[in-house]
Structures are given as structure tokens and as C-alpha cells.
N, C-alpha and C. Protein backbone atom coordinates (compact mmCIF):
# COMPACT_ATOMS: atom_id res chain seq x y z
N SER A 1 -21.29 34.01 9.31
CA SER A 1 -19.85 33.47 10.08
C SER A 1 -20.00 32.50 10.96
N GLY A 2 -18.99 31.92 10.58
CA GLY A 2 -19.02 30.39 11.55
C GLY A 2 -18.17 29.15 10.74
N THR A 3 -17.63 28.13 11.35
CA THR A 3 -16.80 27.26 10.99
C THR A 3 -17.04 26.11 10.41
N LEU A 4 -16.76 25.74 9.27
CA LEU A 4 -17.29 24.80 8.69
C LEU A 4 -16.46 23.29 8.69
N SER A 5 -17.36 22.34 9.08
CA SER A 5 -16.91 21.10 9.79
C SER A 5 -16.76 19.72 8.44
N ALA A 6 -15.60 19.62 8.07
CA ALA A 6 -15.50 18.66 7.01
C ALA A 6 -16.65 17.17 6.94
N SER A 7 -17.04 16.90 8.11
CA SER A 7 -18.17 15.61 8.59
C SER A 7 -19.12 15.83 8.32
N SER A 8 -19.27 17.61 8.58
CA SER A 8 -21.28 17.86 8.28
C SER A 8 -21.29 18.94 7.23
N ASP A 9 -20.54 19.49 6.92
CA ASP A 9 -20.65 20.68 5.90
C ASP A 9 -20.15 20.10 4.56
N PHE A 10 -19.25 19.18 4.24
CA PHE A 10 -18.84 18.77 3.00
C PHE A 10 -19.51 17.42 2.79
N ILE A 11 -19.49 17.26 1.17
CA ILE A 11 -19.63 16.01 1.03
C ILE A 11 -18.83 15.25 0.54
N VAL A 12 -18.85 14.04 0.59
CA VAL A 12 -17.81 13.15 -0.34
C VAL A 12 -17.60 13.42 -1.74
N GLY A 13 -16.33 13.66 -1.95
CA GLY A 13 -16.33 14.12 -3.52
C GLY A 13 -15.77 15.58 -3.17
N SER A 14 -15.96 15.99 -4.64
CA SER A 14 -15.57 17.51 -4.39
C SER A 14 -16.40 18.45 -4.00
N ASN A 15 -16.28 19.63 -3.55
CA ASN A 15 -17.06 20.80 -2.65
C ASN A 15 -16.25 22.17 -3.51
N VAL A 16 -17.46 22.86 -3.61
CA VAL A 16 -17.29 24.34 -3.80
C VAL A 16 -17.94 25.23 -2.93
N TYR A 17 -17.45 26.26 -1.85
CA TYR A 17 -17.42 27.26 -1.20
C TYR A 17 -17.61 28.52 -1.70
N ARG A 18 -18.17 29.56 -1.64
CA ARG A 18 -18.37 30.65 -2.15
C ARG A 18 -18.02 31.38 -0.73
N ILE A 19 -17.26 32.50 -0.21
CA ILE A 19 -17.53 33.00 0.73
C ILE A 19 -17.18 34.78 0.57
N CYS A 20 -18.15 35.12 1.08
CA CYS A 20 -18.68 36.42 1.17
C CYS A 20 -18.20 37.18 2.29
N VAL A 21 -17.57 38.60 2.37
CA VAL A 21 -17.00 39.25 3.24
C VAL A 21 -18.07 40.86 2.97
N VAL A 22 -18.52 41.15 3.68
CA VAL A 22 -18.92 42.72 3.53
C VAL A 22 -18.68 43.25 5.08
N SER A 23 -18.13 44.49 4.84
CA SER A 23 -17.50 45.49 6.07
C SER A 23 -17.38 46.73 5.52
N SER A 24 -18.06 47.66 6.28
CA SER A 24 -17.76 49.19 5.84
C SER A 24 -17.94 49.05 4.87
N GLY A 25 -19.34 48.44 4.06
CA GLY A 25 -19.57 48.88 2.66
C GLY A 25 -18.68 48.20 1.69
N VAL A 26 -17.66 47.60 1.74
CA VAL A 26 -16.57 47.20 0.76
C VAL A 26 -17.54 45.42 0.79
N THR A 27 -17.44 44.94 -0.59
CA THR A 27 -17.87 43.50 -0.31
C THR A 27 -16.77 42.95 -1.00
N GLY A 28 -16.51 41.73 -0.74
CA GLY A 28 -15.45 40.59 -1.51
C GLY A 28 -15.89 39.13 -1.28
N ALA A 29 -15.61 38.62 -2.12
CA ALA A 29 -15.75 37.19 -2.70
C ALA A 29 -14.67 36.47 -2.89
N ILE A 30 -14.71 35.16 -2.61
CA ILE A 30 -13.37 34.18 -3.07
C ILE A 30 -14.33 33.15 -3.10
N SER A 31 -13.91 31.90 -3.80
CA SER A 31 -14.57 30.43 -4.33
C SER A 31 -13.43 29.82 -3.81
N LEU A 32 -13.53 28.42 -2.79
CA LEU A 32 -12.55 27.74 -2.99
C LEU A 32 -13.14 26.23 -3.06
N SER A 33 -12.22 25.36 -3.30
CA SER A 33 -12.50 24.30 -3.84
C SER A 33 -11.76 22.98 -2.79
N SER A 34 -12.45 22.14 -2.32
CA SER A 34 -12.17 21.30 -1.37
C SER A 34 -12.39 19.43 -2.18
N LEU A 35 -11.80 18.56 -1.34
CA LEU A 35 -11.93 16.96 -1.70
C LEU A 35 -12.25 16.41 -0.35
N ARG A 36 -13.35 15.89 -0.37
CA ARG A 36 -13.40 15.30 0.65
C ARG A 36 -13.35 13.67 0.47
N ASP A 37 -12.19 13.07 1.38
CA ASP A 37 -12.12 11.41 0.83
C ASP A 37 -12.13 10.55 2.31
N ASN A 38 -12.99 10.01 2.03
CA ASN A 38 -13.17 8.90 3.15
C ASN A 38 -12.74 7.60 2.90
N SER A 39 -12.44 7.22 1.79
CA SER A 39 -12.08 5.91 1.54
C SER A 39 -10.91 5.42 1.56
N VAL A 40 -10.45 4.49 2.19
CA VAL A 40 -9.03 3.87 2.50
C VAL A 40 -8.51 3.34 1.21
N PRO A 41 -6.99 3.52 0.94
CA PRO A 41 -6.26 3.29 -0.03
C PRO A 41 -6.34 1.57 0.17
N THR A 42 -6.24 0.88 -0.90
CA THR A 42 -5.56 -0.76 -1.17
C THR A 42 -4.07 -0.69 -1.48
N VAL A 43 -3.67 -1.74 -1.36
CA VAL A 43 -2.27 -2.40 -1.79
C VAL A 43 -2.59 -3.40 -2.56
N SER A 44 -1.77 -3.84 -3.81
CA SER A 44 -1.61 -5.13 -4.62
C SER A 44 -0.05 -5.06 -4.85
N VAL A 45 0.09 -6.38 -5.10
CA VAL A 45 1.24 -6.70 -5.29
C VAL A 45 1.59 -7.54 -6.86
N THR A 46 2.87 -7.75 -7.19
CA THR A 46 2.97 -8.34 -8.13
C THR A 46 4.33 -8.59 -8.17
N PRO A 47 4.73 -10.18 -8.19
CA PRO A 47 3.93 -11.32 -8.08
C PRO A 47 2.94 -11.78 -7.25
N ALA A 48 1.95 -12.37 -7.23
CA ALA A 48 1.36 -12.84 -5.96
C ALA A 48 2.04 -13.63 -4.98
N SER A 49 1.40 -13.77 -3.77
CA SER A 49 2.21 -14.60 -3.02
C SER A 49 2.10 -16.09 -3.78
N GLY A 50 3.17 -16.85 -3.23
CA GLY A 50 3.58 -18.39 -3.80
C GLY A 50 5.12 -18.74 -3.44
N SER A 51 5.19 -20.17 -4.05
CA SER A 51 6.32 -20.49 -3.99
C SER A 51 7.27 -20.39 -5.39
N TYR A 52 8.21 -19.97 -5.72
CA TYR A 52 8.85 -19.94 -6.40
C TYR A 52 10.46 -20.59 -6.90
N GLY A 53 11.00 -20.65 -7.76
CA GLY A 53 12.05 -21.31 -8.08
C GLY A 53 13.11 -20.61 -8.34
N THR A 54 12.91 -19.14 -8.32
CA THR A 54 13.85 -18.25 -8.77
C THR A 54 13.48 -17.00 -7.66
N VAL A 55 14.24 -16.28 -7.64
CA VAL A 55 14.26 -14.81 -6.37
C VAL A 55 13.19 -14.10 -7.29
N GLN A 56 12.56 -13.29 -6.30
CA GLN A 56 11.53 -12.62 -6.68
C GLN A 56 11.69 -11.10 -6.36
N ASN A 57 11.14 -10.34 -7.36
CA ASN A 57 11.23 -8.85 -7.22
C ASN A 57 9.83 -8.22 -7.09
N VAL A 58 9.53 -8.25 -6.17
CA VAL A 58 8.00 -7.87 -5.56
C VAL A 58 7.50 -6.13 -5.55
N THR A 59 6.52 -6.13 -6.71
CA THR A 59 6.40 -4.62 -7.12
C THR A 59 4.89 -4.30 -5.95
N ALA A 60 5.13 -3.26 -5.35
CA ALA A 60 3.81 -2.87 -4.82
C ALA A 60 2.87 -1.64 -5.10
N ASN A 61 1.93 -1.65 -5.50
CA ASN A 61 1.02 -0.63 -6.36
C ASN A 61 -0.31 -0.40 -5.21
N CYS A 62 -0.13 1.18 -5.07
CA CYS A 62 -1.33 1.80 -4.29
C CYS A 62 -2.59 2.21 -4.92
N GLY A 63 -3.89 1.75 -4.68
CA GLY A 63 -5.00 2.43 -5.18
C GLY A 63 -5.52 3.28 -4.24
N ASP A 64 -6.27 4.27 -4.63
CA ASP A 64 -7.03 5.27 -4.07
C ASP A 64 -8.22 5.63 -4.53
N SER A 65 -9.48 5.16 -4.78
CA SER A 65 -10.88 5.68 -5.35
C SER A 65 -11.21 6.88 -4.65
N GLY A 66 -10.95 7.48 -3.77
CA GLY A 66 -11.70 8.21 -2.95
C GLY A 66 -10.89 9.77 -3.79
N GLY A 67 -10.10 9.81 -4.42
CA GLY A 67 -9.44 10.87 -4.91
C GLY A 67 -8.21 11.57 -4.50
N ALA A 68 -8.47 11.60 -3.27
CA ALA A 68 -7.12 12.21 -2.53
C ALA A 68 -5.54 12.02 -3.21
N GLY A 69 -5.36 10.60 -3.56
CA GLY A 69 -4.46 10.01 -4.23
C GLY A 69 -3.47 9.25 -3.23
N CYS A 70 -2.69 8.25 -3.46
CA CYS A 70 -1.77 7.64 -2.59
C CYS A 70 -0.78 8.55 -2.05
N SER A 71 -0.34 8.60 -0.69
CA SER A 71 0.89 9.13 -0.16
C SER A 71 1.85 8.44 -0.06
N LYS A 72 1.79 7.32 0.96
CA LYS A 72 3.07 6.41 1.02
C LYS A 72 2.46 5.03 1.37
N ILE A 73 3.29 3.95 1.24
CA ILE A 73 2.99 2.61 1.52
C ILE A 73 4.37 2.26 2.53
N SER A 74 4.21 1.75 3.58
CA SER A 74 5.12 0.98 4.70
C SER A 74 5.09 -0.21 4.58
N TYR A 75 6.43 -0.79 4.42
CA TYR A 75 6.31 -2.50 4.49
C TYR A 75 7.38 -3.20 5.62
N THR A 76 7.04 -4.17 5.76
CA THR A 76 8.00 -4.76 6.54
C THR A 76 8.60 -6.27 6.19
N THR A 77 9.38 -6.63 6.45
CA THR A 77 9.85 -8.28 6.13
C THR A 77 10.20 -9.10 7.43
N ASN A 78 10.16 -8.72 8.43
CA ASN A 78 10.48 -9.25 9.54
C ASN A 78 9.22 -9.63 10.43
N ARG A 79 7.99 -9.84 9.75
CA ARG A 79 6.94 -10.14 10.16
C ARG A 79 6.31 -9.43 11.50
N SER A 80 6.85 -8.26 11.88
CA SER A 80 6.33 -7.12 12.36
C SER A 80 4.93 -6.51 11.73
N THR A 81 4.60 -5.75 12.12
CA THR A 81 3.40 -4.83 11.58
C THR A 81 3.62 -3.34 10.96
N PRO A 82 3.46 -2.89 9.82
CA PRO A 82 3.79 -1.80 9.44
C PRO A 82 2.81 -0.89 9.82
N SER A 83 3.17 0.28 10.19
CA SER A 83 2.20 1.56 10.76
C SER A 83 2.77 2.85 10.51
N LEU A 84 1.28 3.18 10.25
CA LEU A 84 1.53 5.07 9.69
C LEU A 84 0.86 5.72 10.78
N ASN A 85 0.96 7.05 10.95
CA ASN A 85 0.29 8.08 11.68
C ASN A 85 -1.12 8.76 10.94
N SER A 86 -1.73 9.28 11.60
CA SER A 86 -2.95 10.11 10.79
C SER A 86 -2.27 11.38 9.37
N SER A 87 -1.13 11.30 9.94
CA SER A 87 -0.30 12.45 8.92
C SER A 87 0.41 11.50 8.04
N CYS A 88 0.23 10.04 7.99
CA CYS A 88 1.27 9.39 6.92
C CYS A 88 2.64 9.40 7.34
N GLU A 89 2.97 9.69 8.57
CA GLU A 89 4.48 9.38 8.96
C GLU A 89 4.57 8.04 9.54
N ILE A 90 5.65 7.26 8.96
CA ILE A 90 5.85 5.81 9.16
C ILE A 90 6.17 5.48 10.37
N ILE A 91 5.32 4.84 11.52
CA ILE A 91 5.33 4.82 12.50
C ILE A 91 6.56 3.57 12.85
N ASN A 92 6.41 2.27 12.00
CA ASN A 92 7.10 0.93 12.12
C ASN A 92 6.84 0.60 10.28
N GLY A 93 8.07 0.59 10.28
CA GLY A 93 8.59 -0.13 8.68
C GLY A 93 9.45 0.93 8.10
N THR A 94 9.34 0.25 6.68
CA THR A 94 10.47 0.80 5.82
C THR A 94 9.38 1.73 4.60
N LEU A 95 9.86 2.84 4.18
CA LEU A 95 9.06 3.46 2.88
C LEU A 95 9.38 2.54 1.79
N TYR A 96 8.24 2.27 1.12
CA TYR A 96 8.42 1.72 -0.08
C TYR A 96 8.75 2.51 -1.25
N THR A 97 10.00 2.31 -1.65
CA THR A 97 10.07 3.33 -2.80
C THR A 97 11.01 2.36 -4.11
N THR A 98 11.05 1.16 -3.98
CA THR A 98 11.78 0.12 -5.02
C THR A 98 11.01 -1.08 -4.82
N GLN A 99 11.17 -1.80 -5.50
CA GLN A 99 10.67 -3.37 -5.63
C GLN A 99 11.61 -3.99 -4.49
N ILE A 100 10.82 -4.88 -3.74
CA ILE A 100 11.41 -5.83 -2.49
C ILE A 100 11.59 -7.30 -2.97
N SER A 101 12.97 -7.40 -2.67
CA SER A 101 13.69 -9.05 -3.55
C SER A 101 13.34 -9.71 -2.21
N THR A 102 13.54 -11.29 -2.72
CA THR A 102 12.97 -12.08 -1.65
C THR A 102 14.37 -13.33 -2.00
N PRO A 103 14.96 -13.24 -0.96
CA PRO A 103 15.94 -13.97 -1.15
C PRO A 103 15.98 -15.45 -1.19
N ASP A 104 16.88 -16.05 -1.88
CA ASP A 104 16.98 -17.52 -2.02
C ASP A 104 16.74 -18.70 -0.79
N SER A 105 16.30 -19.66 -0.89
CA SER A 105 16.54 -20.65 0.17
C SER A 105 15.55 -20.12 1.14
N SER A 106 14.51 -19.51 1.24
CA SER A 106 13.88 -18.74 2.33
C SER A 106 12.29 -18.35 2.07
N LEU A 107 11.85 -18.28 3.29
CA LEU A 107 10.22 -17.97 3.37
C LEU A 107 10.01 -16.28 3.76
N THR A 108 9.76 -15.61 2.87
CA THR A 108 9.67 -14.08 3.25
C THR A 108 8.14 -13.87 3.23
N THR A 109 8.10 -12.66 4.37
CA THR A 109 6.93 -12.63 4.64
C THR A 109 6.74 -11.16 4.47
N ILE A 110 6.08 -10.18 3.62
CA ILE A 110 5.93 -8.81 3.49
C ILE A 110 4.73 -8.48 3.81
N LYS A 111 4.46 -7.62 4.70
CA LYS A 111 3.40 -6.97 5.45
C LYS A 111 3.02 -5.51 4.63
N LEU A 112 2.31 -5.01 4.31
CA LEU A 112 1.98 -3.63 3.59
C LEU A 112 0.99 -2.97 4.11
N LYS A 113 1.04 -1.51 4.29
CA LYS A 113 0.14 -0.74 4.90
C LYS A 113 0.06 0.62 4.04
N ALA A 114 -0.53 1.27 3.56
CA ALA A 114 -0.95 2.77 2.76
C ALA A 114 -1.61 3.48 3.36
N CYS A 115 -0.98 4.73 3.05
CA CYS A 115 -1.96 5.81 3.92
C CYS A 115 -2.13 6.95 2.17
N ASP A 116 -3.48 7.46 2.15
CA ASP A 116 -3.61 8.27 1.29
C ASP A 116 -3.36 9.92 1.69
N HIS A 117 -3.44 11.01 1.12
CA HIS A 117 -3.58 12.30 0.94
C HIS A 117 -4.56 12.84 2.17
N ALA A 118 -5.60 12.35 2.35
CA ALA A 118 -6.75 12.84 3.38
C ALA A 118 -6.26 12.01 4.73
N GLY A 119 -5.08 11.19 4.59
CA GLY A 119 -4.94 10.44 6.39
C GLY A 119 -5.81 9.27 6.31
N ASN A 120 -6.33 8.71 5.42
CA ASN A 120 -7.00 7.54 5.44
C ASN A 120 -5.89 6.01 5.57
N SER A 121 -5.84 5.34 6.21
CA SER A 121 -5.01 4.40 6.36
C SER A 121 -5.63 2.87 5.73
N SER A 122 -4.83 2.21 5.12
CA SER A 122 -5.55 0.53 4.41
C SER A 122 -5.44 -0.24 5.82
N ILE A 123 -5.83 -1.65 5.58
CA ILE A 123 -5.58 -2.28 6.37
C ILE A 123 -4.38 -3.18 6.22
N VAL A 124 -3.63 -3.83 6.74
CA VAL A 124 -2.34 -4.45 6.23
C VAL A 124 -2.57 -5.61 5.57
N TYR A 125 -1.79 -5.79 4.70
CA TYR A 125 -1.60 -6.76 3.51
C TYR A 125 -0.81 -7.85 3.74
N THR A 126 -0.96 -8.97 3.97
CA THR A 126 0.41 -9.95 4.08
C THR A 126 0.37 -11.03 2.67
N HIS A 127 1.80 -10.76 2.59
CA HIS A 127 2.12 -11.79 1.75
C HIS A 127 3.47 -12.81 1.67
N ASN A 128 3.09 -14.22 1.27
CA ASN A 128 4.15 -14.95 1.45
C ASN A 128 4.69 -15.60 0.05
N TYR A 129 6.06 -15.53 0.32
CA TYR A 129 7.13 -15.79 -0.97
C TYR A 129 7.87 -16.93 -0.11
N THR A 130 7.86 -18.13 -1.07
CA THR A 130 8.72 -19.41 -0.73
C THR A 130 9.64 -19.75 -1.58
N VAL A 131 10.81 -19.25 -1.69
CA VAL A 131 12.17 -19.30 -2.64
C VAL A 131 12.87 -20.49 -2.72
N ASP A 132 13.02 -21.66 -3.52
CA ASP A 132 14.18 -22.44 -3.33
C ASP A 132 14.48 -22.67 -5.01
N SER A 133 15.66 -22.25 -5.27
CA SER A 133 16.38 -22.33 -6.56
C SER A 133 17.31 -23.84 -6.52
N ILE A 134 17.34 -24.44 -5.73
CA ILE A 134 18.21 -25.35 -5.73
C ILE A 134 17.35 -26.58 -5.99
N LEU A 135 17.95 -27.51 -7.48
CA LEU A 135 17.56 -28.33 -8.01
C LEU A 135 17.78 -29.79 -7.01
N PRO A 136 16.84 -30.40 -7.07
CA PRO A 136 17.11 -31.67 -6.39
C PRO A 136 18.07 -32.83 -7.39
N SER A 137 18.65 -33.57 -6.41
CA SER A 137 19.79 -34.27 -7.19
C SER A 137 18.72 -35.85 -6.89
N ILE A 138 18.92 -36.91 -7.97
CA ILE A 138 18.81 -38.32 -7.94
C ILE A 138 20.05 -38.91 -8.38
N PHE A 139 19.79 -39.84 -7.20
CA PHE A 139 21.20 -41.13 -6.95
C PHE A 139 20.37 -42.04 -7.36
N ILE A 140 21.24 -42.96 -8.35
CA ILE A 140 20.67 -44.47 -8.60
C ILE A 140 21.80 -45.31 -8.07
N ASN A 141 21.28 -46.19 -7.14
CA ASN A 141 22.06 -46.80 -6.31
C ASN A 141 22.56 -48.17 -6.74
N SER A 142 21.61 -48.70 -7.79
CA SER A 142 21.09 -50.22 -8.36
C SER A 142 20.30 -50.10 -9.43
N ILE A 143 20.70 -50.70 -10.74
CA ILE A 143 19.83 -51.21 -11.31
C ILE A 143 19.45 -52.76 -11.42
N LEU A 144 18.04 -53.09 -11.78
CA LEU A 144 18.02 -54.35 -11.98
C LEU A 144 18.19 -54.78 -12.92
N PRO A 145 18.95 -56.16 -13.33
CA PRO A 145 18.61 -56.47 -14.60
C PRO A 145 17.51 -56.76 -15.57
N GLY A 146 17.80 -55.97 -16.64
CA GLY A 146 16.37 -55.85 -17.56
C GLY A 146 15.77 -54.82 -17.35
N THR A 147 15.99 -54.09 -16.66
CA THR A 147 15.64 -52.82 -16.60
C THR A 147 15.96 -51.20 -17.61
N LEU A 148 15.35 -51.03 -18.22
CA LEU A 148 15.54 -49.79 -19.37
C LEU A 148 15.61 -48.49 -18.55
N ILE A 149 16.67 -48.19 -19.10
CA ILE A 149 17.51 -46.57 -18.49
C ILE A 149 16.89 -45.50 -19.68
């Protein structure tokens, strides 16, 4: 009898434990499966940071190599830092559910942070988008004689 500790009694990855109980001559057993995930999730975006001539719709993708799977992505566009607690509840930011649009004629900074189902949080990822769809105008003030246009 005793308590199992995730950090000392479970290996990283899949674990199966068989629990046996004997009481007054009656025996019972059950097998339990668990997954220990110590890996932090990652966040990638499409398109990448950069300067664009049209409004961009940024898609975020979460990856988790530890096996628990991604739970949530929190993001901000006001330069504040997104944050989640150990239960993956958003403390600061907005829950990512759809593409993030970058407005025209502006610089947009998108910061993202992910959490997996094991409670592991990623680092904060920062991406900058400059959008300027206004084409420059060229005015010719004078033409020198003999110049070809």
C-alpha cells in the first residue's frame, strides 16, 4: 500500500500499473494506464513574420511531442505577454480559435503561448507583421529635352 508519485514512480511515456487488493480472503485486481508528459508544447505560425503588401490571416499550430496533446493557445496583439496557469486556464490573452488578421497600414505583434493536457506551458513566441498595401505614387515634374519616357 502507499502513494504513487508521478515524478519518481512513473517513467516518461506510457505506464501500466496493476493494483491488487486482498481483504478477508477476497482478492481483486485492476490495471491502470497513465501517460507521463514532461515535454513543453511548441507553437508555429503561417505565414512567418515579415513585411507584406496585403492583410495576412495568421494561423497558429500547436505541437506536443510528449504525448498528452495540446490543450490551448493564448495570444495577444497588444504587446502584452499571454499567460496560462498550470490548469491551462488563460490568465492573460485570448483563446486562439481562428486565424488572426493583421490590419493594413500597421505593425502587428502577435505573442502566443500554448499549454498541453499535462499542464506543461510553452515559451512565449513573438511574431511581427508589417502590412502596407498602399502603392507609392510617382510624379514627374519635368522632362529634359531628348529624354525618352
